[in-house]
Protein backbone atom coordinates (compact mmCIF):
# COMPACT_ATOMS: atom_id res chain seq x y z
CA UNK A 1 -58.48 -11.51 -4.85
CA UNK A 2 -57.93 -14.98 -6.48
CA UNK A 3 -56.99 -15.93 -9.93
CA UNK A 4 -60.56 -16.69 -10.83
CA UNK A 5 -61.73 -13.31 -9.48
CA UNK A 6 -58.98 -11.47 -11.58
CA UNK A 7 -60.05 -13.45 -14.75
CA UNK A 8 -63.68 -12.77 -14.20
CA UNK A 9 -63.11 -9.13 -13.62
CA UNK A 10 -61.12 -8.65 -16.84
CA UNK A 11 -64.01 -10.58 -18.78
CA UNK A 12 -66.57 -8.09 -17.16
CA UNK A 13 -64.56 -5.12 -18.18
CA UNK A 14 -64.36 -6.43 -21.82
CA UNK A 15 -68.09 -7.17 -21.83
CA UNK A 16 -68.77 -3.66 -20.48
CA UNK A 17 -66.63 -2.01 -23.18
CA UNK A 18 -68.33 -4.14 -25.86
CA UNK A 19 -71.79 -2.92 -24.44
CA UNK A 20 -70.61 0.62 -24.63
CA UNK A 21 -69.44 0.23 -28.17
CA UNK A 22 -72.59 -1.37 -29.23
CA UNK A 23 -74.54 1.50 -27.68
CA UNK A 24 -72.79 3.70 -30.11
CA UNK A 25 -73.74 1.98 -33.20
CA UNK A 26 -77.37 2.96 -33.42
CA UNK A 27 -76.85 6.73 -32.93
CA UNK A 28 -73.88 6.58 -35.48
CA UNK A 29 -76.06 4.73 -37.93
CA UNK A 30 -78.87 7.28 -37.62
CA UNK A 31 -76.47 10.09 -38.06
CA UNK A 32 -75.16 8.55 -41.29
CA UNK A 33 -78.79 7.78 -42.55
CA UNK A 34 -79.67 11.39 -42.19
CA UNK A 35 -76.52 12.40 -43.89
CA UNK A 36 -76.93 9.93 -46.81
CA UNK A 37 -80.78 10.55 -47.10
CA UNK A 38 -80.12 14.12 -48.04
CA UNK A 39 -77.48 12.96 -50.64
CA UNK A 40 -79.18 9.91 -52.19
CA UNK A 41 -82.70 9.80 -53.69
CA UNK A 42 -83.72 6.41 -52.38
CA UNK A 43 -84.38 6.18 -48.73
CA UNK A 44 -83.72 2.34 -48.74
CA UNK A 45 -80.44 2.97 -50.44
CA UNK A 46 -79.46 5.55 -47.90
CA UNK A 47 -80.43 3.19 -45.15
CA UNK A 48 -78.45 0.29 -46.56
CA UNK A 49 -75.48 2.56 -47.18
CA UNK A 50 -75.73 3.86 -43.46
CA UNK A 51 -75.72 0.27 -42.14
CA UNK A 52 -72.93 -0.83 -44.36
CA UNK A 53 -70.75 2.23 -43.40
CA UNK A 54 -71.62 1.84 -39.70
CA UNK A 55 -70.59 -1.77 -39.82
CA UNK A 56 -67.27 -0.67 -41.41
CA UNK A 57 -66.68 1.86 -38.82
CA UNK A 58 -67.20 -0.59 -35.92
CA UNK A 59 -65.33 -3.51 -37.71
CA UNK A 60 -68.48 -5.59 -38.10
CA UNK A 61 -69.62 -7.85 -40.79
CA UNK A 62 -73.19 -7.57 -42.35
CA UNK A 63 -75.67 -9.16 -40.15
CA UNK A 64 -77.83 -10.77 -42.85
CA UNK A 65 -77.75 -11.80 -46.63
CA UNK A 66 -79.33 -8.50 -47.64
CA UNK A 67 -76.42 -6.57 -46.04
CA UNK A 68 -73.90 -8.92 -47.46
CA UNK A 69 -75.26 -8.43 -50.90
CA UNK A 70 -75.31 -4.57 -50.47
CA UNK A 71 -71.60 -4.67 -49.23
CA UNK A 72 -70.59 -6.74 -52.21
CA UNK A 73 -72.44 -4.58 -54.80
CA UNK A 74 -71.53 -1.14 -53.35
CA UNK A 75 -68.01 -1.84 -51.79
CA UNK A 76 -66.28 1.12 -53.75
CA UNK A 77 -69.03 3.56 -52.59
CA UNK A 78 -68.90 2.23 -48.95
CA UNK A 79 -65.16 2.82 -48.79
CA UNK A 80 -65.42 6.22 -50.42
CA UNK A 81 -68.14 7.29 -47.87
CA UNK A 82 -65.92 5.79 -45.13
CA UNK A 83 -62.94 7.81 -46.24
CA UNK A 84 -65.06 11.00 -46.52
CA UNK A 85 -65.92 10.69 -42.77
CA UNK A 86 -62.34 11.44 -41.97
CA UNK A 87 -63.43 15.13 -42.16
CA UNK A 88 -65.92 14.71 -39.40
CA UNK A 89 -63.72 15.33 -36.38
CA UNK A 90 -66.34 14.64 -33.79
CA UNK A 91 -67.35 11.28 -35.31
CA UNK A 92 -63.70 10.26 -35.77
CA UNK A 93 -63.11 11.06 -31.97
CA UNK A 94 -65.98 8.85 -31.03
CA UNK A 95 -64.85 5.91 -33.17
CA UNK A 96 -61.28 6.44 -32.19
CA UNK A 97 -62.13 6.30 -28.42
CA UNK A 98 -64.05 3.11 -29.10
CA UNK A 99 -61.23 1.54 -31.00
CA UNK A 100 -58.63 2.52 -28.42
CA UNK A 101 -60.80 1.21 -25.63
CA UNK A 102 -61.37 -2.19 -27.30
CA UNK A 103 -57.59 -2.59 -28.37
CA UNK A 104 -56.38 -1.51 -24.94
CA UNK A 105 -58.70 -3.98 -23.04
CA UNK A 106 -57.73 -6.78 -25.46
CA UNK A 107 -54.05 -5.95 -25.03
CA UNK A 108 -54.23 -5.81 -21.23
CA UNK A 109 -56.26 -9.17 -21.16
CA UNK A 110 -54.14 -11.04 -23.84
CA UNK A 111 -57.17 -11.32 -26.12
CA UNK A 112 -55.92 -9.15 -29.07
CA UNK A 113 -57.40 -10.85 -32.35
CA UNK A 114 -56.83 -10.40 -35.88
CA UNK A 115 -60.19 -8.84 -36.20
CA UNK A 116 -59.33 -6.11 -33.75
CA UNK A 117 -55.93 -5.46 -35.52
CA UNK A 118 -57.56 -5.26 -38.89
CA UNK A 119 -60.25 -2.99 -37.67
CA UNK A 120 -57.65 -0.60 -36.45
CA UNK A 121 -55.69 -0.75 -39.67
CA UNK A 122 -59.06 -0.11 -41.68
CA UNK A 123 -59.76 2.88 -39.40
CA UNK A 124 -56.18 4.29 -39.88
CA UNK A 125 -56.12 3.81 -43.57
CA UNK A 126 -59.47 5.73 -43.88
CA UNK A 127 -57.94 8.51 -41.77
CA UNK A 128 -60.58 8.02 -39.08
CA UNK A 129 -58.43 6.49 -36.32
CA UNK A 130 -56.85 9.27 -34.24
CA UNK A 131 -53.86 9.01 -31.94
CA UNK A 132 -55.47 8.97 -28.31
CA UNK A 133 -53.61 12.28 -27.40
CA UNK A 134 -55.28 13.96 -30.35
CA UNK A 135 -58.79 13.20 -29.22
CA UNK A 136 -60.82 16.10 -27.95
CA UNK A 137 -62.60 15.23 -24.72
CA UNK A 138 -65.12 18.10 -24.29
């Protein structure tokens, strides 16, 4: 296997991990929407909150101006809801596996970025990121 093949293989692994993590975002967002819809009167507000908290869970910025405005206006609530998720062991395990996969792939390919590090710090501070040996795989 040549140097190009090794590099291409590493890029494919990172792309596969990113696709897997992206596949998790929609079901997590729907789960959060269902949770918030029963807690808040406005369905639109619950949807915006679910999107914002999902973005925070995956270390993603808002994807449009409406999301950015919602984030700015509701930052304290978003952080509060994010911290409240630390009690949901199954969700924490899912997010932790995603974060560990992404960080390990970045570390093994020399592509660690500030964004990845800050994502891990945010999840850890919120009580969501679990040590890999504490994650239930059942």
